[in-house]
Amino acid sequence: MKALVLESYMNLQYEDVPSPAINEDEVLVKVKAVGICGSDVHGLDGSTGRRIPPIIMGHEASGVIQQTGTGVANWKIGDRVTFDSTIYNPNDWYSKHGMYNLSDGRIVLGVSTEEFKRNGAFAEFVAVPQHILYRIPENVSFTQAALVEPAAVAMHAINISPFKASDVVIVLGAGMVGMFVVQLLRIKGCENIIAVDLDAH
């Protein structure tokens, strides 16, 4: 398959690599749309230490199931899906209490550290465990579905922030997530929103 591989910092190569093998509880997704997260940009320049080359980055994506593992249930070839960026143990205490971001041994698609490496979705195909899949409604495009992860981050930030619709709300940072926060605040009825960013654009 073709993939965009971070071969070294500031060195992305579009090249042929083997398609990922899937485990029995995983599906192979043919990628239809993928977003570029700010963390991928920092991965490119090596500033975070969480994208140790070589690695295929990309964790905001959507596509179509191309193959299913022998233990996969309720998913079939041709299903339109998006997925979480974090691969967690669905049976540990944190996951069972809705805090899978704290799950022991969790890993992230498109990330490599000293502890783990998991290729991501800047490729034709990506392997994804079935428990992090989400079905895409027919009226949602692949491009829209690829943005579910950053939209969910923005919604979580709003849900844990104590404010009333009548408050003046300041959003620090007007990148992808910040702009989602602004849009979601509007949906929640906030009229007094101030967005602040270093970039005048």
C-alpha atoms as a PDB file:
ATOM      1  CA  MET A   1       0.000   0.000   0.000  1.00  0.00           C
ATOM      2  CA  LYS A   2       0.984   3.652  -0.314  1.00  0.00           C
ATOM      3  CA  ALA A   3       1.689   5.549   2.896  1.00  0.00           C
ATOM      4  CA  LEU A   4       3.149   8.847   4.050  1.00  0.00           C
ATOM      5  CA  VAL A   5       5.987   7.762   6.332  1.00  0.00           C
ATOM      6  CA  LEU A   6       7.847  10.014   8.738  1.00  0.00           C
ATOM      7  CA  GLU A   7      11.298   8.581   7.984  1.00  0.00           C
ATOM      8  CA  SER A   8      13.103  11.172  10.082  1.00  0.00           C
ATOM      9  CA  TYR A   9      12.129  14.541  11.534  1.00  0.00           C
ATOM     10  CA  MET A  10      11.129  16.999   8.807  1.00  0.00           C
ATOM     11  CA  ASN A  11      11.335  14.153   6.276  1.00  0.00           C
ATOM     12  CA  LEU A  12       8.038  12.677   5.059  1.00  0.00           C
ATOM     13  CA  GLN A  13       8.243  10.095   2.276  1.00  0.00           C
ATOM     14  CA  TYR A  14       5.317   8.848   0.155  1.00  0.00           C
ATOM     15  CA  GLU A  15       6.236   5.218  -0.382  1.00  0.00           C
ATOM     16  CA  ASP A  16       5.160   1.609  -0.716  1.00  0.00           C
ATOM     17  CA  VAL A  17       4.893  -0.277   2.581  1.00  0.00           C
ATOM     18  CA  PRO A  18       3.244  -3.585   3.533  1.00  0.00           C
ATOM     19  CA  SER A  19      -0.464  -3.410   4.361  1.00  0.00           C
ATOM     20  CA  PRO A  20      -1.041  -3.883   8.092  1.00  0.00           C
ATOM     21  CA  ALA A  21      -1.899  -7.369   9.314  1.00  0.00           C
ATOM     22  CA  ILE A  22      -4.989  -7.509  11.521  1.00  0.00           C
ATOM     23  CA  ASN A  23      -5.490  -9.402  14.772  1.00  0.00           C
ATOM     24  CA  GLU A  24      -8.619 -11.489  15.325  1.00  0.00           C
ATOM     25  CA  ASP A  25     -10.437  -8.580  17.049  1.00  0.00           C
ATOM     26  CA  GLU A  26      -9.454  -5.984  14.432  1.00  0.00           C
ATOM     27  CA  VAL A  27     -10.661  -4.734  11.072  1.00  0.00           C
ATOM     28  CA  LEU A  28      -8.713  -3.375   8.132  1.00  0.00           C
ATOM     29  CA  VAL A  29     -10.081   0.026   7.140  1.00  0.00           C
ATOM     30  CA  LYS A  30      -9.573   1.492   3.662  1.00  0.00           C
ATOM     31  CA  VAL A  31      -8.955   5.150   4.499  1.00  0.00           C
ATOM     32  CA  LYS A  32     -11.245   7.616   2.699  1.00  0.00           C
ATOM     33  CA  ALA A  33     -10.438  10.815   4.633  1.00  0.00           C
ATOM     34  CA  VAL A  34      -7.844  11.790   7.217  1.00  0.00           C
ATOM     35  CA  GLY A  35      -7.179  14.980   9.151  1.00  0.00           C
ATOM     36  CA  ILE A  36      -3.872  16.525  10.152  1.00  0.00           C
ATOM     37  CA  CYS A  37      -3.779  17.095  13.908  1.00  0.00           C
ATOM     38  CA  GLY A  38      -1.561  19.718  15.487  1.00  0.00           C
ATOM     39  CA  SER A  39       0.184  16.816  17.220  1.00  0.00           C
ATOM     40  CA  ASP A  40       1.078  15.418  13.770  1.00  0.00           C
ATOM     41  CA  VAL A  41       2.681  18.762  12.884  1.00  0.00           C
ATOM     42  CA  HIS A  42       4.685  18.584  16.126  1.00  0.00           C
ATOM     43  CA  GLY A  43       5.486  14.975  15.287  1.00  0.00           C
ATOM     44  CA  LEU A  44       6.945  16.131  11.969  1.00  0.00           C
ATOM     45  CA  ASP A  45       9.409  18.469  13.668  1.00  0.00           C
ATOM     46  CA  GLY A  46      10.094  16.108  16.603  1.00  0.00           C
ATOM     47  CA  SER A  47       9.104  18.624  19.259  1.00  0.00           C
ATOM     48  CA  THR A  48       6.911  16.249  21.297  1.00  0.00           C
ATOM     49  CA  GLY A  49       8.950  13.040  21.372  1.00  0.00           C
ATOM     50  CA  ARG A  50       5.756  11.080  20.626  1.00  0.00           C
ATOM     51  CA  ARG A  51       6.435  10.400  16.959  1.00  0.00           C
ATOM     52  CA  ILE A  52       9.735   8.537  16.911  1.00  0.00           C
ATOM     53  CA  PRO A  53      10.562   7.757  13.247  1.00  0.00           C
ATOM     54  CA  PRO A  54       9.897   5.758  11.261  1.00  0.00           C
ATOM     55  CA  ILE A  55       6.123   6.011  11.803  1.00  0.00           C
ATOM     56  CA  ILE A  56       2.948   6.456   9.773  1.00  0.00           C
ATOM     57  CA  MET A  57       1.112   9.233  11.603  1.00  0.00           C
ATOM     58  CA  GLY A  58      -2.590  10.141  11.462  1.00  0.00           C
ATOM     59  CA  HIS A  59      -5.383   9.415  13.946  1.00  0.00           C
ATOM     60  CA  GLU A  60      -8.338  11.538  12.726  1.00  0.00           C
ATOM     61  CA  ALA A  61      -9.784   9.409   9.943  1.00  0.00           C
ATOM     62  CA  SER A  62     -12.691   7.543   8.388  1.00  0.00           C
ATOM     63  CA  GLY A  63     -13.143   4.870   5.786  1.00  0.00           C
ATOM     64  CA  VAL A  64     -14.669   1.561   4.772  1.00  0.00           C
ATOM     65  CA  ILE A  65     -14.032  -1.847   6.324  1.00  0.00           C
ATOM     66  CA  GLN A  66     -12.049  -3.930   3.838  1.00  0.00           C
ATOM     67  CA  GLN A  67     -11.394  -7.021   5.966  1.00  0.00           C
ATOM     68  CA  THR A  68     -12.488  -8.384   9.359  1.00  0.00           C
ATOM     69  CA  GLY A  69     -10.645 -10.541  11.868  1.00  0.00           C
ATOM     70  CA  THR A  70     -12.007 -13.932  12.877  1.00  0.00           C
ATOM     71  CA  GLY A  71     -13.246 -12.620  16.240  1.00  0.00           C
ATOM     72  CA  VAL A  72     -15.005  -9.515  14.931  1.00  0.00           C
ATOM     73  CA  ALA A  73     -18.747  -9.312  15.607  1.00  0.00           C
ATOM     74  CA  ASN A  74     -21.354  -6.777  14.421  1.00  0.00           C
ATOM     75  CA  TRP A  75     -19.058  -5.331  11.729  1.00  0.00           C
ATOM     76  CA  LYS A  76     -18.789  -6.387   8.108  1.00  0.00           C
ATOM     77  CA  ILE A  77     -16.908  -5.592   4.923  1.00  0.00           C
ATOM     78  CA  GLY A  78     -18.295  -2.396   3.385  1.00  0.00           C
ATOM     79  CA  ASP A  79     -19.349  -0.739   6.660  1.00  0.00           C
ATOM     80  CA  ARG A  80     -18.570   2.990   6.759  1.00  0.00           C
ATOM     81  CA  VAL A  81     -16.648   3.751   9.961  1.00  0.00           C
ATOM     82  CA  THR A  82     -14.659   6.220  11.954  1.00  0.00           C
ATOM     83  CA  PHE A  83     -12.740   5.381  15.111  1.00  0.00           C
ATOM     84  CA  ASP A  84     -11.272   6.645  18.330  1.00  0.00           C
ATOM     85  CA  SER A  85      -7.616   7.629  18.315  1.00  0.00           C
ATOM     86  CA  THR A  86      -6.866   5.777  21.562  1.00  0.00           C
ATOM     87  CA  ILE A  87      -6.630   1.999  21.713  1.00  0.00           C
ATOM     88  CA  TYR A  88      -7.465   1.034  25.272  1.00  0.00           C
ATOM     89  CA  ASN A  89      -8.236  -2.088  27.253  1.00  0.00           C
ATOM     90  CA  PRO A  90     -12.053  -2.197  27.365  1.00  0.00           C
ATOM     91  CA  ASN A  91     -12.007  -4.298  30.522  1.00  0.00           C
ATOM     92  CA  ASP A  92      -9.863  -2.316  32.928  1.00  0.00           C
ATOM     93  CA  TRP A  93     -11.253  -0.189  35.783  1.00  0.00           C
ATOM     94  CA  TYR A  94     -10.751   3.171  34.059  1.00  0.00           C
ATOM     95  CA  SER A  95     -12.389   2.064  30.813  1.00  0.00           C
ATOM     96  CA  LYS A  96     -15.372   0.584  32.666  1.00  0.00           C
ATOM     97  CA  HIS A  97     -15.829   3.991  34.334  1.00  0.00           C
ATOM     98  CA  GLY A  98     -15.696   5.957  31.086  1.00  0.00           C
ATOM     99  CA  MET A  99     -12.101   7.131  31.535  1.00  0.00           C
ATOM    100  CA  TYR A 100     -10.394   5.056  28.878  1.00  0.00           C
ATOM    101  CA  ASN A 101      -7.886   7.866  28.307  1.00  0.00           C
ATOM    102  CA  LEU A 102      -6.358   6.675  31.602  1.00  0.00           C
ATOM    103  CA  SER A 103      -6.506   2.966  30.726  1.00  0.00           C
ATOM    104  CA  ASP A 104      -3.346   1.074  31.634  1.00  0.00           C
ATOM    105  CA  GLY A 105      -1.278   0.255  28.574  1.00  0.00           C
ATOM    106  CA  ARG A 106      -3.309   2.465  26.209  1.00  0.00           C
ATOM    107  CA  ILE A 107      -1.716   3.369  22.896  1.00  0.00           C
ATOM    108  CA  VAL A 108      -2.561   5.922  20.227  1.00  0.00           C
ATOM    109  CA  LEU A 109      -2.865   5.417  16.481  1.00  0.00           C
ATOM    110  CA  GLY A 110      -0.094   7.114  14.527  1.00  0.00           C
ATOM    111  CA  VAL A 111       2.120   7.501  17.579  1.00  0.00           C
ATOM    112  CA  SER A 112       5.426   5.910  18.562  1.00  0.00           C
ATOM    113  CA  THR A 113       7.217   6.352  21.870  1.00  0.00           C
ATOM    114  CA  GLU A 114       9.803   4.336  23.776  1.00  0.00           C
ATOM    115  CA  GLU A 115       6.878   2.213  25.082  1.00  0.00           C
ATOM    116  CA  PHE A 116       4.895   1.525  21.903  1.00  0.00           C
ATOM    117  CA  LYS A 117       4.522   2.101  18.175  1.00  0.00           C
ATOM    118  CA  ARG A 118       1.237   1.956  16.258  1.00  0.00           C
ATOM    119  CA  ASN A 119       1.052   3.065  12.634  1.00  0.00           C
ATOM    120  CA  GLY A 120      -1.801   5.405  11.786  1.00  0.00           C
ATOM    121  CA  ALA A 121      -4.021   6.524   8.934  1.00  0.00           C
ATOM    122  CA  PHE A 122      -1.759   8.538   6.619  1.00  0.00           C
ATOM    123  CA  ALA A 123      -1.986   5.441   4.440  1.00  0.00           C
ATOM    124  CA  GLU A 124      -4.314   3.513   2.175  1.00  0.00           C
ATOM    125  CA  PHE A 125      -5.185   1.115   5.004  1.00  0.00           C
ATOM    126  CA  VAL A 126      -5.118   1.121   8.797  1.00  0.00           C
ATOM    127  CA  ALA A 127      -5.752  -1.705  11.292  1.00  0.00           C
ATOM    128  CA  VAL A 128      -8.275  -0.806  13.993  1.00  0.00           C
ATOM    129  CA  PRO A 129      -9.636  -2.823  16.967  1.00  0.00           C
ATOM    130  CA  GLN A 130     -13.396  -3.335  16.739  1.00  0.00           C
ATOM    131  CA  HIS A 131     -14.122  -1.800  20.152  1.00  0.00           C
ATOM    132  CA  ILE A 132     -13.025   1.692  19.022  1.00  0.00           C
ATOM    133  CA  LEU A 133     -15.101   1.727  15.809  1.00  0.00           C
ATOM    134  CA  TYR A 134     -18.139   3.947  15.219  1.00  0.00           C
ATOM    135  CA  ARG A 135     -20.621   3.577  12.398  1.00  0.00           C
ATOM    136  CA  ILE A 136     -20.977   6.596  10.079  1.00  0.00           C
ATOM    137  CA  PRO A 137     -24.590   7.602   9.318  1.00  0.00           C
ATOM    138  CA  GLU A 138     -25.390   7.761   5.609  1.00  0.00           C
ATOM    139  CA  ASN A 139     -25.929  11.532   5.732  1.00  0.00           C
ATOM    140  CA  VAL A 140     -22.402  12.131   7.084  1.00  0.00           C
ATOM    141  CA  SER A 141     -19.516  12.349   4.609  1.00  0.00           C
ATOM    142  CA  PHE A 142     -16.149  10.696   5.139  1.00  0.00           C
ATOM    143  CA  THR A 143     -14.582  14.150   5.506  1.00  0.00           C
ATOM    144  CA  GLN A 144     -17.058  15.100   8.219  1.00  0.00           C
ATOM    145  CA  ALA A 145     -16.568  11.762   9.970  1.00  0.00           C
ATOM    146  CA  ALA A 146     -12.790  12.238  10.035  1.00  0.00           C
ATOM    147  CA  LEU A 147     -13.392  15.336  12.179  1.00  0.00           C
ATOM    148  CA  VAL A 148     -15.371  13.503  14.867  1.00  0.00           C
ATOM    149  CA  GLU A 149     -12.306  13.078  17.101  1.00  0.00           C
ATOM    150  CA  PRO A 150     -11.359  16.792  17.333  1.00  0.00           C
ATOM    151  CA  ALA A 151     -15.049  17.706  17.629  1.00  0.00           C
ATOM    152  CA  ALA A 152     -15.347  15.267  20.540  1.00  0.00           C
ATOM    153  CA  VAL A 153     -12.324  16.864  22.214  1.00  0.00           C
ATOM    154  CA  ALA A 154     -14.022  20.264  21.928  1.00  0.00           C
ATOM    155  CA  MET A 155     -17.332  18.937  23.276  1.00  0.00           C
ATOM    156  CA  HIS A 156     -15.552  17.325  26.233  1.00  0.00           C
ATOM    157  CA  ALA A 157     -13.842  20.643  27.048  1.00  0.00           C
ATOM    158  CA  ILE A 158     -17.233  22.368  27.056  1.00  0.00           C
ATOM    159  CA  ASN A 159     -18.885  19.632  29.117  1.00  0.00           C
ATOM    160  CA  ILE A 160     -16.309  19.909  31.915  1.00  0.00           C
ATOM    161  CA  SER A 161     -16.298  23.735  31.948  1.00  0.00           C
ATOM    162  CA  PRO A 162     -18.705  25.471  34.331  1.00  0.00           C
ATOM    163  CA  PHE A 163     -20.436  28.287  32.450  1.00  0.00           C
ATOM    164  CA  LYS A 164     -23.866  29.648  31.640  1.00  0.00           C
ATOM    165  CA  ALA A 165     -25.055  30.717  28.199  1.00  0.00           C
ATOM    166  CA  SER A 166     -25.183  34.316  29.450  1.00  0.00           C
ATOM    167  CA  ASP A 167     -21.483  34.313  30.436  1.00  0.00           C
ATOM    168  CA  VAL A 168     -18.703  35.881  28.399  1.00  0.00           C
ATOM    169  CA  VAL A 169     -16.672  32.865  27.267  1.00  0.00           C
ATOM    170  CA  ILE A 170     -13.048  33.149  26.163  1.00  0.00           C
ATOM    171  CA  VAL A 171     -11.558  30.473  23.894  1.00  0.00           C
ATOM    172  CA  LEU A 172      -7.761  30.451  23.976  1.00  0.00           C
ATOM    173  CA  GLY A 173      -6.488  29.157  20.648  1.00  0.00           C
ATOM    174  CA  ALA A 174      -8.449  29.265  17.383  1.00  0.00           C
ATOM    175  CA  GLY A 175      -7.093  26.185  15.666  1.00  0.00           C
ATOM    176  CA  MET A 176      -9.237  23.195  14.733  1.00  0.00           C
ATOM    177  CA  VAL A 177     -10.347  22.341  18.267  1.00  0.00           C
ATOM    178  CA  GLY A 178     -10.741  25.994  19.246  1.00  0.00           C
ATOM    179  CA  MET A 179     -13.002  26.649  16.261  1.00  0.00           C
ATOM    180  CA  PHE A 180     -15.071  23.587  17.163  1.00  0.00           C
ATOM    181  CA  VAL A 181     -15.389  24.993  20.695  1.00  0.00           C
ATOM    182  CA  VAL A 182     -16.656  28.302  19.263  1.00  0.00           C
ATOM    183  CA  GLN A 183     -19.222  26.529  17.040  1.00  0.00           C
ATOM    184  CA  LEU A 184     -20.426  24.278  19.869  1.00  0.00           C
ATOM    185  CA  LEU A 185     -20.713  27.237  22.258  1.00  0.00           C
ATOM    186  CA  ARG A 186     -22.950  28.936  19.682  1.00  0.00           C
ATOM    187  CA  ILE A 187     -25.096  25.809  19.462  1.00  0.00           C
ATOM    188  CA  LYS A 188     -25.391  25.879  23.262  1.00  0.00           C
ATOM    189  CA  GLY A 189     -26.735  29.441  23.015  1.00  0.00           C
ATOM    190  CA  CYS A 190     -23.663  31.462  24.026  1.00  0.00           C
ATOM    191  CA  GLU A 191     -23.648  34.896  22.425  1.00  0.00           C
ATOM    192  CA  ASN A 192     -20.610  36.474  24.096  1.00  0.00           C
ATOM    193  CA  ILE A 193     -17.647  34.473  22.766  1.00  0.00           C
ATOM    194  CA  ILE A 194     -14.116  35.852  22.452  1.00  0.00           C
ATOM    195  CA  ALA A 195     -11.514  33.803  20.568  1.00  0.00           C
ATOM    196  CA  VAL A 196      -7.839  34.590  21.150  1.00  0.00           C
ATOM    197  CA  ASP A 197      -4.942  33.359  19.030  1.00  0.00           C
ATOM    198  CA  LEU A 198      -1.347  34.355  18.278  1.00  0.00           C
ATOM    199  CA  ASP A 199      -2.048  34.091  14.549  1.00  0.00           C
ATOM    200  CA  ALA A 200      -4.032  37.108  13.335  1.00  0.00           C
ATOM    201  CA  HIS A 201      -5.649  35.032  10.578  1.00  0.00           C
END
